[in-house]
N, C-alpha and C. Protein backbone atom coordinates (compact mmCIF):
# COMPACT_ATOMS: atom_id res chain seq x y z
N MET A 1 -7.77 -30.90 2.56
CA MET A 1 -8.28 -29.64 3.02
C MET A 1 -7.63 -29.31 4.37
N ALA A 2 -7.15 -28.10 4.49
CA ALA A 2 -6.49 -27.69 5.73
C ALA A 2 -7.51 -27.44 6.83
N SER A 3 -7.20 -27.95 8.01
CA SER A 3 -8.08 -27.68 9.14
C SER A 3 -7.76 -26.30 9.68
N GLU A 4 -8.75 -25.69 10.30
CA GLU A 4 -8.53 -24.36 10.86
C GLU A 4 -7.48 -24.41 11.96
N ARG A 5 -7.40 -25.53 12.63
CA ARG A 5 -6.40 -25.69 13.69
C ARG A 5 -4.99 -25.61 13.11
N SER A 6 -4.74 -26.31 11.98
CA SER A 6 -3.42 -26.27 11.37
C SER A 6 -3.13 -24.88 10.79
N LEU A 7 -4.16 -24.20 10.29
CA LEU A 7 -3.97 -22.85 9.78
C LEU A 7 -3.53 -21.91 10.89
N LYS A 8 -4.21 -22.00 12.04
CA LYS A 8 -3.89 -21.13 13.17
C LYS A 8 -2.47 -21.37 13.67
N ALA A 9 -2.01 -22.62 13.57
CA ALA A 9 -0.67 -22.95 14.05
C ALA A 9 0.42 -22.40 13.13
N VAL A 10 0.15 -22.30 11.84
CA VAL A 10 1.17 -21.94 10.86
C VAL A 10 1.07 -20.49 10.39
N LEU A 11 -0.13 -20.00 10.21
CA LEU A 11 -0.31 -18.69 9.58
C LEU A 11 -0.62 -17.59 10.59
N THR A 12 -0.01 -16.46 10.35
CA THR A 12 -0.40 -15.24 11.05
C THR A 12 -0.93 -14.29 10.00
N ALA A 13 -1.71 -13.33 10.42
CA ALA A 13 -2.26 -12.37 9.46
C ALA A 13 -1.14 -11.62 8.75
N GLU A 14 -0.07 -11.28 9.50
CA GLU A 14 1.05 -10.55 8.91
C GLU A 14 1.74 -11.40 7.83
N LYS A 15 1.90 -12.70 8.12
CA LYS A 15 2.55 -13.59 7.16
C LYS A 15 1.70 -13.71 5.90
N VAL A 16 0.40 -13.85 6.07
CA VAL A 16 -0.49 -13.96 4.91
C VAL A 16 -0.45 -12.67 4.09
N ARG A 17 -0.51 -11.53 4.77
CA ARG A 17 -0.48 -10.25 4.05
C ARG A 17 0.84 -10.04 3.31
N ALA A 18 1.93 -10.64 3.81
CA ALA A 18 3.22 -10.54 3.13
C ALA A 18 3.24 -11.38 1.86
N LEU A 19 2.42 -12.41 1.80
CA LEU A 19 2.40 -13.32 0.66
C LEU A 19 1.30 -13.01 -0.35
N VAL A 20 0.19 -12.43 0.14
CA VAL A 20 -0.99 -12.22 -0.70
C VAL A 20 -1.54 -10.81 -0.48
N ALA A 21 -1.96 -10.18 -1.57
CA ALA A 21 -2.63 -8.88 -1.49
C ALA A 21 -4.12 -9.10 -1.74
N TYR A 22 -4.94 -8.26 -1.10
CA TYR A 22 -6.39 -8.36 -1.26
C TYR A 22 -6.93 -7.04 -1.77
N ASP A 23 -7.74 -7.12 -2.81
CA ASP A 23 -8.44 -5.95 -3.34
C ASP A 23 -9.89 -6.03 -2.85
N PRO A 24 -10.24 -5.27 -1.80
CA PRO A 24 -11.58 -5.39 -1.21
C PRO A 24 -12.72 -4.94 -2.12
N LYS A 25 -12.43 -4.09 -3.10
CA LYS A 25 -13.48 -3.62 -4.00
C LYS A 25 -13.81 -4.65 -5.08
N ARG A 26 -12.83 -5.42 -5.50
CA ARG A 26 -13.05 -6.46 -6.52
C ARG A 26 -13.24 -7.83 -5.87
N GLY A 27 -12.74 -7.99 -4.65
CA GLY A 27 -12.86 -9.26 -3.96
C GLY A 27 -11.86 -10.30 -4.41
N HIS A 28 -10.75 -9.86 -4.99
CA HIS A 28 -9.74 -10.79 -5.50
C HIS A 28 -8.48 -10.77 -4.65
N LEU A 29 -7.81 -11.91 -4.61
CA LEU A 29 -6.51 -12.04 -3.97
C LEU A 29 -5.45 -12.14 -5.06
N TYR A 30 -4.26 -11.57 -4.79
CA TYR A 30 -3.15 -11.59 -5.74
C TYR A 30 -1.87 -11.96 -5.01
N TRP A 31 -1.01 -12.74 -5.69
CA TRP A 31 0.26 -13.13 -5.09
C TRP A 31 1.24 -11.96 -5.11
N HIS A 32 1.89 -11.75 -3.97
CA HIS A 32 3.01 -10.80 -3.92
C HIS A 32 4.25 -11.48 -4.47
N GLU A 33 5.21 -10.70 -4.90
CA GLU A 33 6.52 -11.25 -5.25
C GLU A 33 7.17 -11.72 -3.95
N ARG A 34 7.77 -12.88 -4.00
CA ARG A 34 8.37 -13.45 -2.79
C ARG A 34 9.87 -13.20 -2.77
N PRO A 35 10.42 -13.00 -1.57
CA PRO A 35 11.87 -12.77 -1.45
C PRO A 35 12.65 -14.06 -1.69
N ILE A 36 13.86 -13.93 -2.14
CA ILE A 36 14.70 -15.08 -2.48
C ILE A 36 14.96 -15.98 -1.27
N GLU A 37 14.92 -15.40 -0.05
CA GLU A 37 15.19 -16.18 1.16
C GLU A 37 14.16 -17.29 1.38
N MET A 38 13.02 -17.21 0.75
CA MET A 38 11.97 -18.22 0.92
C MET A 38 12.22 -19.47 0.06
N PHE A 39 13.25 -19.45 -0.78
CA PHE A 39 13.45 -20.54 -1.73
C PHE A 39 14.82 -21.18 -1.54
N LYS A 40 14.92 -22.44 -1.96
CA LYS A 40 16.16 -23.19 -1.85
C LYS A 40 17.17 -22.79 -2.91
N SER A 41 16.65 -22.22 -4.01
CA SER A 41 17.57 -21.81 -5.08
C SER A 41 17.02 -20.57 -5.79
N ALA A 42 17.93 -19.90 -6.46
CA ALA A 42 17.54 -18.72 -7.23
C ALA A 42 16.64 -19.10 -8.39
N ASP A 43 16.82 -20.31 -8.92
CA ASP A 43 15.97 -20.78 -10.02
C ASP A 43 14.52 -20.94 -9.57
N ARG A 44 14.33 -21.53 -8.39
CA ARG A 44 12.96 -21.69 -7.86
C ARG A 44 12.33 -20.35 -7.54
N TRP A 45 13.10 -19.44 -7.00
CA TRP A 45 12.63 -18.09 -6.69
C TRP A 45 12.16 -17.40 -7.97
N ARG A 46 13.02 -17.45 -9.00
CA ARG A 46 12.70 -16.82 -10.28
C ARG A 46 11.47 -17.48 -10.92
N ALA A 47 11.40 -18.80 -10.87
CA ALA A 47 10.27 -19.52 -11.46
C ALA A 47 8.96 -19.16 -10.77
N PHE A 48 8.98 -19.12 -9.44
CA PHE A 48 7.75 -18.78 -8.71
C PHE A 48 7.30 -17.38 -9.06
N ASN A 49 8.17 -16.42 -8.95
CA ASN A 49 7.78 -15.03 -9.18
C ASN A 49 7.39 -14.76 -10.63
N THR A 50 8.03 -15.45 -11.57
CA THR A 50 7.66 -15.30 -12.97
C THR A 50 6.25 -15.82 -13.21
N LYS A 51 5.96 -16.96 -12.60
CA LYS A 51 4.66 -17.60 -12.83
C LYS A 51 3.53 -16.97 -12.01
N HIS A 52 3.79 -16.53 -10.77
CA HIS A 52 2.70 -16.17 -9.87
C HIS A 52 2.63 -14.69 -9.45
N ALA A 53 3.75 -14.02 -9.27
CA ALA A 53 3.73 -12.67 -8.71
C ALA A 53 2.82 -11.74 -9.51
N GLY A 54 1.89 -11.08 -8.80
CA GLY A 54 0.97 -10.14 -9.42
C GLY A 54 -0.26 -10.78 -10.03
N LYS A 55 -0.32 -12.11 -10.02
CA LYS A 55 -1.46 -12.81 -10.62
C LYS A 55 -2.46 -13.24 -9.55
N ARG A 56 -3.67 -13.59 -9.98
CA ARG A 56 -4.74 -14.00 -9.06
C ARG A 56 -4.32 -15.19 -8.22
N ALA A 57 -4.61 -15.10 -6.96
CA ALA A 57 -4.40 -16.21 -6.03
C ALA A 57 -5.77 -16.72 -5.62
N PHE A 58 -5.84 -17.97 -5.23
CA PHE A 58 -7.09 -18.57 -4.78
C PHE A 58 -8.19 -18.40 -5.83
N ALA A 59 -7.83 -18.62 -7.09
CA ALA A 59 -8.77 -18.44 -8.19
C ALA A 59 -9.52 -19.72 -8.53
N TYR A 60 -9.09 -20.85 -7.98
CA TYR A 60 -9.77 -22.12 -8.26
C TYR A 60 -11.15 -22.09 -7.63
N LYS A 61 -12.16 -22.45 -8.42
CA LYS A 61 -13.53 -22.50 -7.91
C LYS A 61 -13.89 -23.96 -7.68
N ASN A 62 -14.22 -24.30 -6.42
CA ASN A 62 -14.55 -25.69 -6.10
C ASN A 62 -15.95 -26.05 -6.59
N THR A 63 -16.35 -27.29 -6.39
CA THR A 63 -17.64 -27.77 -6.91
C THR A 63 -18.83 -27.07 -6.27
N ARG A 64 -18.63 -26.45 -5.10
CA ARG A 64 -19.72 -25.73 -4.44
C ARG A 64 -19.78 -24.26 -4.85
N GLY A 65 -18.81 -23.81 -5.68
CA GLY A 65 -18.84 -22.44 -6.19
C GLY A 65 -18.01 -21.45 -5.41
N TYR A 66 -17.24 -21.92 -4.42
CA TYR A 66 -16.39 -21.04 -3.61
C TYR A 66 -14.96 -21.07 -4.14
N HIS A 67 -14.27 -19.92 -4.06
CA HIS A 67 -12.85 -19.88 -4.42
C HIS A 67 -12.05 -20.47 -3.28
N GLU A 68 -11.01 -21.23 -3.64
CA GLU A 68 -10.12 -21.78 -2.63
C GLU A 68 -8.74 -21.93 -3.22
N GLY A 69 -7.78 -22.22 -2.36
CA GLY A 69 -6.40 -22.38 -2.82
C GLY A 69 -5.53 -22.86 -1.69
N GLY A 70 -4.23 -22.74 -1.91
CA GLY A 70 -3.27 -23.18 -0.91
C GLY A 70 -2.21 -22.13 -0.68
N ILE A 71 -1.59 -22.23 0.49
CA ILE A 71 -0.52 -21.30 0.85
C ILE A 71 0.41 -22.00 1.83
N LEU A 72 1.70 -21.88 1.59
CA LEU A 72 2.72 -22.49 2.45
C LEU A 72 2.48 -23.98 2.69
N GLY A 73 2.08 -24.68 1.65
CA GLY A 73 1.87 -26.12 1.74
C GLY A 73 0.52 -26.53 2.28
N LEU A 74 -0.29 -25.59 2.74
CA LEU A 74 -1.63 -25.90 3.23
C LEU A 74 -2.61 -25.75 2.08
N ARG A 75 -3.44 -26.74 1.87
CA ARG A 75 -4.35 -26.74 0.71
C ARG A 75 -5.81 -26.69 1.16
N GLY A 76 -6.68 -26.34 0.21
CA GLY A 76 -8.12 -26.34 0.47
C GLY A 76 -8.58 -25.24 1.39
N ILE A 77 -7.90 -24.10 1.35
CA ILE A 77 -8.28 -22.97 2.20
C ILE A 77 -9.31 -22.13 1.44
N SER A 78 -10.44 -21.86 2.06
CA SER A 78 -11.48 -21.04 1.44
C SER A 78 -11.02 -19.59 1.38
N ALA A 79 -11.13 -18.99 0.20
CA ALA A 79 -10.69 -17.61 0.01
C ALA A 79 -11.44 -16.66 0.93
N HIS A 80 -12.75 -16.84 1.09
CA HIS A 80 -13.52 -15.91 1.92
C HIS A 80 -13.10 -15.96 3.39
N ARG A 81 -12.71 -17.13 3.88
CA ARG A 81 -12.25 -17.25 5.27
C ARG A 81 -10.86 -16.64 5.43
N LEU A 82 -10.00 -16.83 4.41
CA LEU A 82 -8.67 -16.23 4.44
C LEU A 82 -8.77 -14.71 4.39
N ILE A 83 -9.67 -14.21 3.57
CA ILE A 83 -9.88 -12.77 3.47
C ILE A 83 -10.34 -12.21 4.81
N TRP A 84 -11.25 -12.89 5.47
CA TRP A 84 -11.70 -12.44 6.78
C TRP A 84 -10.53 -12.35 7.75
N PHE A 85 -9.67 -13.38 7.72
CA PHE A 85 -8.49 -13.42 8.57
C PHE A 85 -7.55 -12.26 8.25
N MET A 86 -7.33 -12.00 6.96
CA MET A 86 -6.45 -10.90 6.56
C MET A 86 -7.00 -9.54 7.01
N GLN A 87 -8.30 -9.36 6.90
CA GLN A 87 -8.91 -8.07 7.20
C GLN A 87 -9.06 -7.82 8.70
N THR A 88 -9.35 -8.87 9.46
CA THR A 88 -9.64 -8.68 10.89
C THR A 88 -8.51 -9.13 11.80
N GLY A 89 -7.61 -9.97 11.29
CA GLY A 89 -6.53 -10.50 12.11
C GLY A 89 -6.93 -11.73 12.91
N GLU A 90 -8.18 -12.19 12.75
CA GLU A 90 -8.65 -13.37 13.47
C GLU A 90 -9.42 -14.28 12.53
N TRP A 91 -9.25 -15.59 12.73
CA TRP A 91 -10.04 -16.54 11.97
C TRP A 91 -11.48 -16.44 12.42
N PRO A 92 -12.42 -16.52 11.50
CA PRO A 92 -13.84 -16.42 11.89
C PRO A 92 -14.23 -17.58 12.80
N SER A 93 -14.98 -17.27 13.84
CA SER A 93 -15.45 -18.33 14.74
C SER A 93 -16.72 -18.98 14.20
N GLY A 94 -17.45 -18.26 13.38
CA GLY A 94 -18.67 -18.79 12.77
C GLY A 94 -18.47 -19.01 11.29
N GLU A 95 -19.53 -18.83 10.54
CA GLU A 95 -19.47 -18.98 9.09
C GLU A 95 -19.36 -17.60 8.44
N ILE A 96 -18.83 -17.57 7.23
CA ILE A 96 -18.77 -16.33 6.47
C ILE A 96 -19.88 -16.39 5.41
N ASP A 97 -20.79 -15.45 5.50
CA ASP A 97 -21.94 -15.38 4.59
C ASP A 97 -21.62 -14.43 3.46
N HIS A 98 -21.93 -14.85 2.24
CA HIS A 98 -21.89 -13.96 1.08
C HIS A 98 -23.29 -13.33 1.01
N ILE A 99 -23.40 -12.09 1.38
CA ILE A 99 -24.68 -11.43 1.57
C ILE A 99 -25.56 -11.51 0.32
N ASN A 100 -24.96 -11.31 -0.86
CA ASN A 100 -25.77 -11.32 -2.08
C ASN A 100 -26.01 -12.74 -2.62
N GLY A 101 -25.50 -13.76 -1.95
CA GLY A 101 -25.73 -15.14 -2.36
C GLY A 101 -24.80 -15.64 -3.46
N VAL A 102 -23.90 -14.79 -3.93
CA VAL A 102 -22.96 -15.19 -4.98
C VAL A 102 -21.69 -15.69 -4.30
N ARG A 103 -21.47 -16.98 -4.37
CA ARG A 103 -20.42 -17.62 -3.58
C ARG A 103 -19.00 -17.23 -3.96
N ASP A 104 -18.79 -16.72 -5.16
CA ASP A 104 -17.44 -16.30 -5.53
C ASP A 104 -17.27 -14.78 -5.51
N ASP A 105 -18.22 -14.07 -4.92
CA ASP A 105 -18.13 -12.62 -4.77
C ASP A 105 -17.55 -12.31 -3.39
N ASN A 106 -16.23 -12.16 -3.35
CA ASN A 106 -15.53 -11.95 -2.08
C ASN A 106 -15.18 -10.50 -1.80
N ARG A 107 -15.99 -9.58 -2.33
CA ARG A 107 -15.78 -8.18 -1.99
C ARG A 107 -16.05 -8.01 -0.49
N TRP A 108 -15.28 -7.16 0.16
CA TRP A 108 -15.36 -7.01 1.61
C TRP A 108 -16.77 -6.61 2.06
N ASN A 109 -17.44 -5.76 1.31
CA ASN A 109 -18.79 -5.33 1.71
C ASN A 109 -19.85 -6.40 1.47
N ASN A 110 -19.45 -7.55 0.93
CA ASN A 110 -20.38 -8.65 0.69
C ASN A 110 -20.19 -9.80 1.69
N LEU A 111 -19.22 -9.65 2.58
CA LEU A 111 -18.92 -10.72 3.54
C LEU A 111 -19.33 -10.30 4.95
N ARG A 112 -19.88 -11.25 5.70
CA ARG A 112 -20.19 -11.01 7.10
C ARG A 112 -20.05 -12.32 7.86
N GLU A 113 -19.61 -12.21 9.11
CA GLU A 113 -19.50 -13.39 9.95
C GLU A 113 -20.84 -13.63 10.64
N VAL A 114 -21.34 -14.86 10.53
CA VAL A 114 -22.65 -15.20 11.08
C VAL A 114 -22.61 -16.59 11.69
N SER A 115 -23.64 -16.91 12.44
CA SER A 115 -23.79 -18.27 12.95
C SER A 115 -24.31 -19.15 11.81
N SER A 116 -24.28 -20.44 12.02
CA SER A 116 -24.82 -21.38 11.03
C SER A 116 -26.30 -21.10 10.78
N LEU A 117 -27.04 -20.81 11.86
CA LEU A 117 -28.47 -20.51 11.73
C LEU A 117 -28.68 -19.26 10.88
N GLU A 118 -27.93 -18.19 11.15
CA GLU A 118 -28.08 -16.96 10.37
C GLU A 118 -27.73 -17.20 8.91
N ASN A 119 -26.69 -17.99 8.67
CA ASN A 119 -26.28 -18.27 7.30
C ASN A 119 -27.37 -19.02 6.55
N SER A 120 -28.07 -19.91 7.23
CA SER A 120 -29.15 -20.67 6.59
C SER A 120 -30.36 -19.79 6.29
N ARG A 121 -30.38 -18.61 6.87
CA ARG A 121 -31.48 -17.68 6.63
C ARG A 121 -31.16 -16.67 5.53
N ASN A 122 -30.11 -16.96 4.77
CA ASN A 122 -29.76 -16.14 3.62
C ASN A 122 -29.27 -17.06 2.51
N MET A 123 -30.17 -17.92 2.05
CA MET A 123 -29.81 -18.90 1.02
C MET A 123 -30.63 -18.66 -0.24
N ARG A 124 -30.05 -19.08 -1.35
CA ARG A 124 -30.79 -19.02 -2.61
C ARG A 124 -31.66 -20.27 -2.70
N PRO A 125 -32.65 -20.27 -3.58
CA PRO A 125 -33.49 -21.46 -3.72
C PRO A 125 -32.66 -22.67 -4.16
N ARG A 126 -33.02 -23.83 -3.69
CA ARG A 126 -32.34 -25.05 -4.09
C ARG A 126 -32.60 -25.31 -5.57
N LYS A 127 -31.71 -26.06 -6.20
CA LYS A 127 -31.83 -26.35 -7.63
C LYS A 127 -33.08 -27.15 -7.95
N ASN A 128 -33.56 -27.95 -7.01
CA ASN A 128 -34.74 -28.77 -7.27
C ASN A 128 -36.05 -28.08 -6.88
N ASN A 129 -35.99 -26.79 -6.57
CA ASN A 129 -37.17 -26.03 -6.19
C ASN A 129 -37.97 -25.70 -7.46
N ILE A 130 -39.16 -26.24 -7.57
CA ILE A 130 -39.96 -26.01 -8.79
C ILE A 130 -40.83 -24.77 -8.71
N SER A 131 -41.10 -24.28 -7.51
CA SER A 131 -41.96 -23.10 -7.38
C SER A 131 -41.18 -21.81 -7.60
N GLY A 132 -39.87 -21.85 -7.36
CA GLY A 132 -39.05 -20.64 -7.44
C GLY A 132 -39.08 -19.83 -6.17
N VAL A 133 -39.84 -20.28 -5.16
CA VAL A 133 -39.95 -19.57 -3.88
C VAL A 133 -39.53 -20.53 -2.78
N VAL A 134 -38.56 -20.12 -1.97
CA VAL A 134 -38.13 -20.95 -0.85
C VAL A 134 -39.31 -21.16 0.09
N GLY A 135 -39.52 -22.41 0.48
CA GLY A 135 -40.58 -22.73 1.43
C GLY A 135 -41.96 -22.90 0.83
N VAL A 136 -42.06 -22.84 -0.49
CA VAL A 136 -43.35 -23.02 -1.16
C VAL A 136 -43.24 -24.21 -2.10
N SER A 137 -44.17 -25.14 -1.98
CA SER A 137 -44.15 -26.33 -2.84
C SER A 137 -45.58 -26.72 -3.23
N TRP A 138 -45.65 -27.52 -4.29
CA TRP A 138 -46.94 -28.01 -4.77
C TRP A 138 -47.29 -29.28 -4.02
N ALA A 139 -48.45 -29.30 -3.38
CA ALA A 139 -48.95 -30.48 -2.68
C ALA A 139 -49.90 -31.20 -3.62
N SER A 140 -49.38 -32.15 -4.39
CA SER A 140 -50.20 -32.80 -5.42
C SER A 140 -51.36 -33.60 -4.84
N HIS A 141 -51.22 -34.10 -3.61
CA HIS A 141 -52.29 -34.89 -3.02
C HIS A 141 -53.55 -34.07 -2.71
N ILE A 142 -53.40 -32.74 -2.60
CA ILE A 142 -54.57 -31.89 -2.37
C ILE A 142 -54.77 -30.87 -3.49
N GLY A 143 -53.81 -30.81 -4.42
CA GLY A 143 -53.93 -29.90 -5.56
C GLY A 143 -53.82 -28.44 -5.18
N LYS A 144 -52.96 -28.14 -4.20
CA LYS A 144 -52.78 -26.75 -3.77
C LYS A 144 -51.30 -26.49 -3.47
N TRP A 145 -50.99 -25.19 -3.35
CA TRP A 145 -49.65 -24.78 -2.95
C TRP A 145 -49.60 -24.74 -1.43
N GLN A 146 -48.49 -25.22 -0.87
CA GLN A 146 -48.33 -25.15 0.58
C GLN A 146 -47.09 -24.33 0.90
N ALA A 147 -47.13 -23.66 2.04
CA ALA A 147 -46.00 -22.85 2.49
C ALA A 147 -45.59 -23.33 3.87
N ARG A 148 -44.27 -23.34 4.09
CA ARG A 148 -43.74 -23.70 5.40
C ARG A 148 -42.43 -22.99 5.60
N ILE A 149 -41.98 -22.97 6.84
CA ILE A 149 -40.72 -22.32 7.19
C ILE A 149 -40.06 -23.12 8.29
N LYS A 150 -38.75 -23.16 8.26
CA LYS A 150 -38.02 -23.85 9.32
C LYS A 150 -37.47 -22.81 10.29
N THR A 151 -37.92 -22.88 11.52
CA THR A 151 -37.37 -22.02 12.56
C THR A 151 -36.17 -22.74 13.14
N SER A 152 -35.60 -22.23 14.18
CA SER A 152 -34.42 -22.88 14.76
C SER A 152 -34.75 -24.26 15.31
N GLU A 153 -35.99 -24.50 15.67
CA GLU A 153 -36.35 -25.79 16.26
C GLU A 153 -36.99 -26.76 15.28
N ARG A 154 -37.93 -26.29 14.45
CA ARG A 154 -38.71 -27.22 13.65
C ARG A 154 -39.36 -26.51 12.46
N TYR A 155 -40.00 -27.31 11.60
CA TYR A 155 -40.76 -26.75 10.49
C TYR A 155 -42.13 -26.30 10.98
N LEU A 156 -42.56 -25.14 10.50
CA LEU A 156 -43.89 -24.63 10.81
C LEU A 156 -44.71 -24.60 9.52
N HIS A 157 -45.90 -25.16 9.58
CA HIS A 157 -46.81 -25.15 8.44
C HIS A 157 -47.50 -23.78 8.40
N LEU A 158 -47.41 -23.10 7.26
CA LEU A 158 -47.99 -21.76 7.13
C LEU A 158 -49.34 -21.76 6.43
N GLY A 159 -49.71 -22.89 5.84
CA GLY A 159 -51.02 -23.00 5.20
C GLY A 159 -50.94 -23.56 3.79
N VAL A 160 -52.13 -23.84 3.25
CA VAL A 160 -52.26 -24.27 1.86
C VAL A 160 -53.06 -23.21 1.11
N PHE A 161 -52.73 -23.02 -0.18
CA PHE A 161 -53.28 -21.90 -0.93
C PHE A 161 -53.62 -22.33 -2.35
N GLU A 162 -54.64 -21.67 -2.91
CA GLU A 162 -55.06 -21.95 -4.28
C GLU A 162 -54.02 -21.47 -5.29
N CYS A 163 -53.36 -20.32 -4.99
CA CYS A 163 -52.40 -19.78 -5.95
C CYS A 163 -51.03 -19.65 -5.31
N ILE A 164 -50.02 -19.70 -6.15
CA ILE A 164 -48.64 -19.62 -5.68
C ILE A 164 -48.34 -18.26 -5.04
N GLY A 165 -48.97 -17.20 -5.55
CA GLY A 165 -48.74 -15.86 -5.01
C GLY A 165 -49.12 -15.74 -3.55
N ALA A 166 -50.24 -16.34 -3.18
CA ALA A 166 -50.68 -16.29 -1.78
C ALA A 166 -49.73 -17.09 -0.89
N ALA A 167 -49.26 -18.22 -1.38
CA ALA A 167 -48.30 -19.02 -0.61
C ALA A 167 -46.98 -18.27 -0.45
N ALA A 168 -46.53 -17.62 -1.52
CA ALA A 168 -45.30 -16.83 -1.46
C ALA A 168 -45.44 -15.66 -0.49
N CYS A 169 -46.59 -15.05 -0.47
CA CYS A 169 -46.85 -13.94 0.46
C CYS A 169 -46.79 -14.42 1.91
N ALA A 170 -47.40 -15.57 2.18
CA ALA A 170 -47.37 -16.13 3.53
C ALA A 170 -45.93 -16.42 3.95
N ARG A 171 -45.15 -16.92 3.01
CA ARG A 171 -43.75 -17.21 3.33
C ARG A 171 -42.96 -15.92 3.56
N ALA A 172 -43.21 -14.89 2.78
CA ALA A 172 -42.50 -13.61 2.95
C ALA A 172 -42.80 -12.99 4.31
N ILE A 173 -44.03 -13.07 4.74
CA ILE A 173 -44.41 -12.56 6.06
C ILE A 173 -43.69 -13.34 7.15
N ALA A 174 -43.63 -14.66 7.00
CA ALA A 174 -42.94 -15.51 7.97
C ALA A 174 -41.44 -15.23 7.98
N ASP A 175 -40.87 -14.95 6.81
CA ASP A 175 -39.44 -14.60 6.75
C ASP A 175 -39.14 -13.39 7.62
N LEU A 176 -39.98 -12.38 7.53
CA LEU A 176 -39.81 -11.18 8.35
C LEU A 176 -39.98 -11.50 9.84
N LYS A 177 -41.01 -12.25 10.16
CA LYS A 177 -41.32 -12.59 11.55
C LYS A 177 -40.18 -13.35 12.22
N TYR A 178 -39.55 -14.27 11.48
CA TYR A 178 -38.52 -15.13 12.06
C TYR A 178 -37.09 -14.66 11.78
N GLY A 179 -36.93 -13.46 11.28
CA GLY A 179 -35.60 -12.86 11.16
C GLY A 179 -34.74 -13.35 10.01
N PHE A 180 -35.35 -13.77 8.91
CA PHE A 180 -34.57 -14.18 7.75
C PHE A 180 -34.02 -12.94 7.05
N HIS A 181 -32.85 -13.09 6.42
CA HIS A 181 -32.24 -11.98 5.69
C HIS A 181 -33.12 -11.58 4.52
N LYS A 182 -33.11 -10.31 4.16
CA LYS A 182 -33.96 -9.84 3.07
C LYS A 182 -33.63 -10.50 1.74
N ASN A 183 -32.42 -11.02 1.57
CA ASN A 183 -32.02 -11.70 0.33
C ASN A 183 -32.36 -13.18 0.32
N HIS A 184 -32.86 -13.71 1.42
CA HIS A 184 -33.13 -15.15 1.48
C HIS A 184 -34.13 -15.55 0.40
N GLY A 185 -33.76 -16.57 -0.36
CA GLY A 185 -34.64 -17.08 -1.41
C GLY A 185 -34.55 -16.36 -2.73
N ARG A 186 -33.74 -15.33 -2.81
CA ARG A 186 -33.60 -14.60 -4.08
C ARG A 186 -32.54 -15.27 -4.92
N HIS A 187 -32.72 -15.23 -6.21
CA HIS A 187 -31.73 -15.76 -7.14
C HIS A 187 -30.61 -14.74 -7.25
N PRO A 188 -29.35 -15.17 -7.05
CA PRO A 188 -28.24 -14.20 -7.15
C PRO A 188 -28.02 -13.75 -8.57
């Protein structure tokens, strides 16, 4: 995986834009045809352009659901971070959040630069969540639903409830109070 430091040393936004096109409405990257000067032989130039020019770039989806790829010998570059660089001319200093929670949806209107804390406030429910509501779980030792929320410092207990709806309501109120994104906890 390429470090951001090595990316900054090798890539400029202009160089990336010369090699890759971005469709902000679809969120896809496409390889440009490359000039012959970039290759050691005409055969390699022809082979590259025949195989890649005009086709999707960074189409590999990693195990976490994000698109990634390589460019100029650098591998493991996240498509959403490269897109941010292409669009703004600067590598993101924070994290890039997919607003709708769909990790491979790289449309420009779905990306925003956020802090790690802000990004954690726009997450989908974990796979092992049995209640379907972030921050709500079954407390079997008391036979009730409990709600909690993690603020920047610690977990806050929001209460125990007879029904899941009341616990979910308590969590929704806390989400608003502590500045969680409106999509936090929604299934994409």
